Protein backbone atom coordinates (compact mmCIF):
# COMPACT_ATOMS: atom_id res chain seq x y z
CA MET A 1 24.04 -30.68 -23.43
CA LEU A 2 22.64 -27.14 -22.98
CA ASP A 3 21.71 -27.21 -26.69
CA ASN A 4 18.39 -25.42 -26.23
CA TYR A 5 20.02 -22.77 -24.07
CA PHE A 6 22.67 -22.03 -26.70
CA ALA A 7 20.04 -22.02 -29.46
CA ILE A 8 18.15 -19.21 -27.72
CA LEU A 9 21.38 -17.26 -27.44
CA GLN A 10 21.66 -17.42 -31.24
CA ASP A 11 18.09 -16.20 -31.79
CA LYS A 12 17.55 -13.28 -29.45
CA LYS A 13 15.22 -11.46 -31.87
CA LYS A 14 12.34 -13.88 -31.36
CA PRO A 15 10.00 -12.50 -28.61
CA ARG A 16 9.30 -15.89 -27.02
CA PHE A 17 7.44 -14.65 -23.93
CA GLN A 18 5.27 -12.33 -25.98
CA GLU A 19 4.34 -15.12 -28.38
CA ASN A 20 3.36 -17.46 -25.54
CA LYS A 21 1.37 -14.95 -23.51
CA HIS A 22 -1.84 -17.00 -23.45
CA LYS A 23 -0.07 -20.04 -22.01
CA LEU A 24 1.86 -17.87 -19.59
CA ASN A 25 -1.27 -16.03 -18.41
CA LYS A 26 -2.91 -19.35 -17.52
CA LYS A 27 0.11 -20.19 -15.38
CA ILE A 28 -0.03 -16.76 -13.75
CA ASP A 29 -3.71 -17.18 -12.84
CA GLU A 30 -2.92 -20.54 -11.28
CA ALA A 31 0.08 -19.13 -9.42
CA PHE A 32 -1.91 -16.31 -7.85
CA GLN A 33 -4.61 -18.77 -6.83
CA ILE A 34 -1.94 -20.78 -5.01
CA LEU A 35 -0.88 -17.56 -3.27
CA LYS A 36 -4.29 -17.49 -1.54
CA ASN A 37 -3.48 -20.79 0.19
CA CYS A 38 0.26 -20.79 -0.26
CA GLU A 39 2.05 -23.99 -1.10
CA LEU A 40 4.66 -22.73 -3.53
CA CYS A 41 7.36 -24.47 -1.54
CA GLU A 42 7.17 -27.76 0.33
CA ARG A 43 6.67 -26.06 3.69
CA LYS A 44 3.09 -25.51 2.51
CA CYS A 45 2.16 -22.86 5.08
CA HIS A 46 -1.33 -22.50 3.52
CA VAL A 47 -1.63 -18.82 4.44
CA ASP A 48 -3.52 -16.33 2.27
CA ARG A 49 -0.70 -14.08 1.20
CA THR A 50 -3.07 -11.95 -0.91
CA ASN A 51 -4.61 -10.73 2.37
CA GLY A 52 -1.28 -9.87 3.94
CA LYS A 53 -0.87 -13.12 5.87
CA LYS A 54 2.71 -14.33 6.30
CA GLY A 55 4.07 -17.86 6.35
CA PHE A 56 7.63 -19.02 6.89
CA CYS A 57 9.11 -16.81 4.16
CA GLN A 58 7.41 -13.68 5.57
CA LEU A 59 6.36 -12.58 2.07
CA THR A 60 2.89 -11.36 1.16
CA ASN A 61 1.56 -10.09 -2.19
CA GLU A 62 4.48 -7.92 -3.29
CA MET A 63 7.63 -8.78 -5.20
CA ILE A 64 10.71 -7.94 -3.14
CA VAL A 65 14.25 -8.04 -4.48
CA SER A 66 17.56 -7.41 -2.78
CA SER A 67 19.67 -6.44 -5.79
CA TYR A 68 20.23 -7.05 -9.50
CA PHE A 69 23.38 -6.77 -11.59
CA ASP A 70 25.50 -8.38 -14.31
CA HIS A 71 27.07 -11.35 -12.57
CA LEU A 72 30.48 -12.54 -13.76
CA GLY A 73 31.00 -15.15 -11.04
CA GLU A 74 28.64 -17.88 -12.23
CA GLU A 75 29.51 -20.93 -14.34
CA PRO A 76 31.56 -19.96 -17.45
CA PHE A 77 28.81 -20.83 -19.93
CA LEU A 78 26.33 -18.60 -18.04
CA VAL A 79 28.32 -15.38 -17.76
CA PRO A 80 27.64 -12.57 -18.08
CA SER A 81 24.42 -13.40 -16.27
CA PHE A 82 21.86 -10.74 -15.38
CA THR A 83 21.14 -11.88 -11.86
CA VAL A 84 18.12 -10.88 -9.80
CA PHE A 85 18.57 -11.62 -6.10
CA PHE A 86 15.18 -12.09 -4.48
CA TRP A 87 14.64 -11.28 -0.82
CA SER A 88 13.87 -14.04 1.70
CA CYS A 89 14.23 -17.81 1.56
CA THR A 90 12.43 -21.05 2.40
CA PHE A 91 15.44 -22.37 4.35
CA GLN A 92 17.27 -21.34 7.51
CA CYS A 93 20.77 -22.49 6.59
CA GLN A 94 22.96 -22.03 9.62
CA PHE A 95 25.97 -21.37 7.39
CA CYS A 96 24.27 -19.14 4.79
CA GLN A 97 26.66 -16.80 2.99
CA ASN A 98 23.78 -14.51 1.98
CA TRP A 99 22.13 -14.59 5.39
CA ASP A 100 21.37 -10.86 5.39
CA ILE A 101 19.10 -11.47 2.36
CA SER A 102 17.80 -14.96 3.08
CA GLN A 103 17.00 -14.29 6.74
CA ARG A 104 15.53 -10.86 5.99
CA ILE A 105 18.07 -8.86 8.01
CA LYS A 106 18.73 -6.43 5.19
CA LYS A 107 15.66 -4.56 3.97
CA GLY A 108 14.46 -5.52 0.48
CA ILE A 109 13.22 -3.39 -2.41
CA VAL A 110 9.59 -3.65 -3.51
CA ILE A 111 9.40 -3.66 -7.30
CA ASP A 112 6.53 -4.16 -9.76
CA GLU A 113 6.57 -6.57 -12.68
CA LYS A 114 6.67 -3.99 -15.48
CA LYS A 115 9.65 -2.24 -13.98
CA LEU A 116 11.61 -5.45 -13.47
CA ALA A 117 10.79 -6.54 -17.04
CA SER A 118 12.09 -3.22 -18.34
CA ILE A 119 15.31 -3.67 -16.36
CA ILE A 120 15.71 -7.21 -17.74
CA ASP A 121 15.27 -5.91 -21.29
CA GLN A 122 17.93 -3.28 -20.65
CA HIS A 123 20.32 -6.09 -19.74
CA ALA A 124 19.42 -8.41 -22.61
CA TYR A 125 23.06 -8.29 -23.80
CA CYS A 126 23.70 -10.79 -20.98
CA LYS A 127 23.47 -14.50 -21.75
CA ASN A 128 20.48 -15.04 -19.46
CA VAL A 129 18.30 -13.68 -16.71
CA ASN A 130 19.13 -15.55 -13.51
CA PHE A 131 16.48 -15.70 -10.79
CA VAL A 132 18.10 -16.45 -7.42
CA GLY A 133 18.02 -15.28 -3.81
CA GLY A 134 17.50 -15.99 -0.99
CA ASP A 135 15.29 -18.19 -3.10
CA PRO A 136 12.96 -17.28 -5.97
CA VAL A 137 10.28 -19.91 -5.24
CA PRO A 138 8.07 -17.81 -2.90
CA GLN A 139 7.96 -15.06 -5.54
CA LEU A 140 7.12 -17.31 -8.48
CA PRO A 141 3.76 -15.65 -9.36
CA PHE A 142 5.42 -12.24 -9.69
CA ILE A 143 8.30 -13.68 -11.73
CA LEU A 144 5.89 -15.31 -14.19
CA LYS A 145 3.98 -12.05 -14.55
CA THR A 146 7.25 -10.20 -15.11
CA LEU A 147 8.05 -12.47 -18.04
CA THR A 148 4.85 -11.42 -19.85
CA TYR A 149 6.34 -7.94 -20.13
CA VAL A 150 9.84 -9.02 -21.17
CA LYS A 151 10.42 -8.23 -24.84
CA ALA A 152 13.88 -9.76 -25.21
CA ASN A 153 14.35 -13.42 -26.08
CA ILE A 154 16.61 -14.06 -23.13
CA PRO A 155 17.09 -17.52 -21.56
CA VAL A 156 15.73 -18.04 -18.05
CA VAL A 157 17.94 -19.59 -15.37
CA TRP A 158 16.15 -20.85 -12.25
CA ASN A 159 18.76 -20.76 -9.48
CA SER A 160 17.15 -22.37 -6.45
CA ASN A 161 17.45 -24.61 -3.40
CA PHE A 162 14.93 -26.82 -5.26
CA TYR A 163 12.45 -27.12 -2.39
CA MET A 164 9.60 -26.37 -4.80
CA SER A 165 6.20 -28.02 -4.48
CA LYS A 166 4.86 -30.13 -7.35
CA LYS A 167 2.53 -27.26 -8.18
CA SER A 168 5.46 -24.90 -8.55
CA MET A 169 7.33 -27.41 -10.69
CA ASN A 170 4.30 -27.58 -13.00
CA LEU A 171 4.22 -23.79 -13.24
CA LEU A 172 7.91 -23.70 -14.17
CA LYS A 173 7.53 -26.36 -16.84
CA GLY A 174 8.23 -24.90 -20.26
CA ILE A 175 9.37 -21.59 -18.79
CA VAL A 176 12.86 -22.38 -17.50
CA ASP A 177 15.74 -22.94 -19.91
CA VAL A 178 18.38 -23.92 -17.36
CA TYR A 179 17.66 -25.23 -13.87
CA LEU A 180 20.62 -24.37 -11.65
CA SER A 181 20.11 -26.31 -8.45
CA ASP A 182 21.78 -26.09 -5.06
CA PHE A 183 21.91 -29.73 -3.93
CA LYS A 184 23.12 -29.47 -0.32
CA TYR A 185 22.44 -32.68 1.57
CA GLY A 186 22.42 -36.41 0.92
CA ASN A 187 19.98 -37.19 3.75
CA ASN A 188 17.17 -35.69 5.80
CA LYS A 189 18.95 -35.55 9.15
CA CYS A 190 21.63 -33.09 8.05
CA ALA A 191 19.01 -30.93 6.31
CA GLU A 192 16.83 -30.76 9.41
CA ARG A 193 19.74 -29.84 11.66
CA LEU A 194 21.53 -27.35 9.43
CA SER A 195 18.73 -25.83 7.30
CA LYS A 196 15.67 -26.49 9.51
CA VAL A 197 13.83 -28.18 6.68
CA SER A 198 11.90 -31.48 6.60
CA ASN A 199 11.83 -34.41 4.19
CA TYR A 200 14.63 -32.82 2.19
CA PHE A 201 16.22 -35.67 0.28
CA SER A 202 13.10 -37.17 -1.29
CA ILE A 203 11.72 -33.77 -2.31
CA ILE A 204 14.98 -32.57 -3.84
CA LYS A 205 15.47 -35.85 -5.71
CA ARG A 206 11.92 -35.65 -7.08
CA ASN A 207 12.41 -32.10 -8.31
CA HIS A 208 15.70 -32.91 -9.99
CA LEU A 209 14.03 -35.73 -11.89
CA LEU A 210 11.21 -33.39 -12.97
CA ALA A 211 13.63 -30.63 -13.96
CA PHE A 212 15.71 -33.05 -16.02
CA LYS A 213 12.61 -34.05 -18.02
CA ASP A 214 11.67 -30.43 -18.57
CA SER A 215 14.87 -28.62 -19.49
CA GLU A 216 18.63 -28.32 -19.11
CA LEU A 217 19.99 -29.10 -15.65
CA VAL A 218 23.14 -27.90 -13.91
CA ILE A 219 23.66 -29.16 -10.36
CA ARG A 220 25.75 -27.29 -7.82
CA HIS A 221 27.09 -29.09 -4.80
CA LEU A 222 28.93 -27.18 -2.09
CA VAL A 223 31.34 -29.51 -0.33
CA MET A 224 31.08 -29.04 3.43
CA PRO A 225 33.55 -30.11 6.11
CA ASN A 226 32.77 -33.50 7.67
CA HIS A 227 29.88 -34.10 5.24
CA ILE A 228 31.60 -36.17 2.58
CA GLU A 229 30.14 -39.59 3.42
CA CYS A 230 26.71 -38.41 4.57
CA CYS A 231 26.07 -35.79 1.88
CA SER A 232 28.54 -35.44 -0.98
CA LYS A 233 28.79 -39.11 -1.93
CA PRO A 234 25.03 -39.90 -1.75
CA ILE A 235 24.30 -36.85 -3.93
CA LEU A 236 26.87 -37.86 -6.54
CA ARG A 237 25.56 -41.45 -6.51
CA PHE A 238 22.03 -40.17 -7.14
CA ILE A 239 23.28 -38.09 -10.07
CA GLU A 240 25.17 -41.05 -11.57
CA GLU A 241 22.21 -43.40 -11.17
CA ASN A 242 19.71 -41.04 -12.78
CA PHE A 243 21.54 -38.66 -15.12
CA LYS A 244 25.00 -40.15 -15.70
CA ASP A 245 26.95 -37.62 -17.81
CA LYS A 246 23.87 -35.83 -19.18
CA VAL A 247 24.01 -33.03 -16.59
CA ILE A 248 26.80 -30.73 -15.53
CA VAL A 249 27.82 -30.91 -11.87
CA ASN A 250 29.64 -27.97 -10.31
CA ILE A 251 31.59 -29.28 -7.33
CA MET A 252 32.30 -26.21 -5.22
CA ASP A 253 34.98 -25.56 -2.60
CA GLN A 254 33.76 -22.09 -1.57
CA TYR A 255 32.32 -23.12 1.77
CA ARG A 256 33.18 -20.79 4.61
CA PRO A 257 31.76 -20.83 8.16
CA GLU A 258 29.35 -17.88 7.90
CA TYR A 259 26.31 -16.82 9.92
CA LYS A 260 25.76 -19.32 12.79
CA ALA A 261 28.19 -22.00 11.62
CA LYS A 262 30.44 -21.38 14.62
CA ASN A 263 27.74 -23.01 16.78
CA TYR A 264 28.09 -26.34 14.95
CA SER A 265 31.30 -28.26 15.56
CA ASP A 266 31.12 -30.18 12.27
CA ILE A 267 30.93 -27.11 10.01
CA ASN A 268 32.80 -24.41 11.94
CA ARG A 269 35.86 -24.58 9.68
CA PHE A 270 36.81 -24.46 6.01
CA VAL A 271 36.92 -27.57 3.81
CA THR A 272 40.36 -29.16 3.59
CA ASP A 273 42.10 -29.89 0.30
CA LYS A 274 41.93 -33.58 1.17
CA GLU A 275 38.14 -33.46 1.67
CA PHE A 276 37.59 -31.63 -1.59
CA LYS A 277 39.87 -33.97 -3.51
CA THR A 278 38.00 -36.96 -2.09
CA VAL A 279 34.75 -35.65 -3.58
CA VAL A 280 36.36 -34.83 -6.93
CA ASN A 281 37.94 -38.27 -7.11
CA PHE A 282 34.58 -39.87 -6.36
CA ALA A 283 32.95 -37.87 -9.19
CA GLU A 284 35.71 -39.04 -11.53
CA LYS A 285 35.14 -42.63 -10.46
CA LEU A 286 31.44 -42.27 -11.32
CA ASN A 287 32.31 -40.76 -14.73
CA LEU A 288 30.26 -37.65 -14.06
CA LYS A 289 30.57 -34.54 -16.20
CA PHE A 290 31.70 -31.96 -13.67
CA ILE A 291 33.53 -28.70 -13.23
CA THR A 292 35.25 -27.26 -10.15
């Protein structure tokens, strides 16, 4: 598990993105064509972002980041992780802890691909470059182009809500070393109510199956109050049925009622020890490989 990821860490001298420029450039051309009729995420707004039109994410034809730094708070095998927080998101999570970034309250920083690549190279002593947000999906074309300028052989972590379209999944194939997913809900109803997103469960399941075939997969699940039976358990069952112990699951107890959570009676409090232990015990029962 994570063998390919660790192998890259042992061979940082090999300029992998430079060697695969032709293949990467074909992906970039395709990605920018998608931008003209955008369907990078499953909202599929179909706006021409190259002409300044804006869909749900409110992004056009510029790469916008919120911050970047050496992150020491990720999973132990990923740290230190050079983490790039991208501005904006494809969700409207009513409990978002990074709501100032995801909901575009805080102003972002426009950056070009060569500059970001240079910054990544300067931080190549980290174990990986970690693309997160908000969510990185709407800025996929710019991220791919950035990688053509990266000289370091640094593993790529794709840290996402996993609401990518099939076209985006195809673009990511062969590029990502570790998919780090945020698997929130075990059904569509909770996703629609709390993140304002449609057809969640089938899309997220599909993308996990595709990611598993492509690369290493680490699945995060944030345990939420009152969502054990409807969300936590169905997610863990899906993981057991499809991946068994071949993926790492991070069961997280960091939920706190941020942003608009106070308006929802089911999530306007912290998770109890009993709730969290129930999820952990269920993961043990399923013989999953997990961390907390």
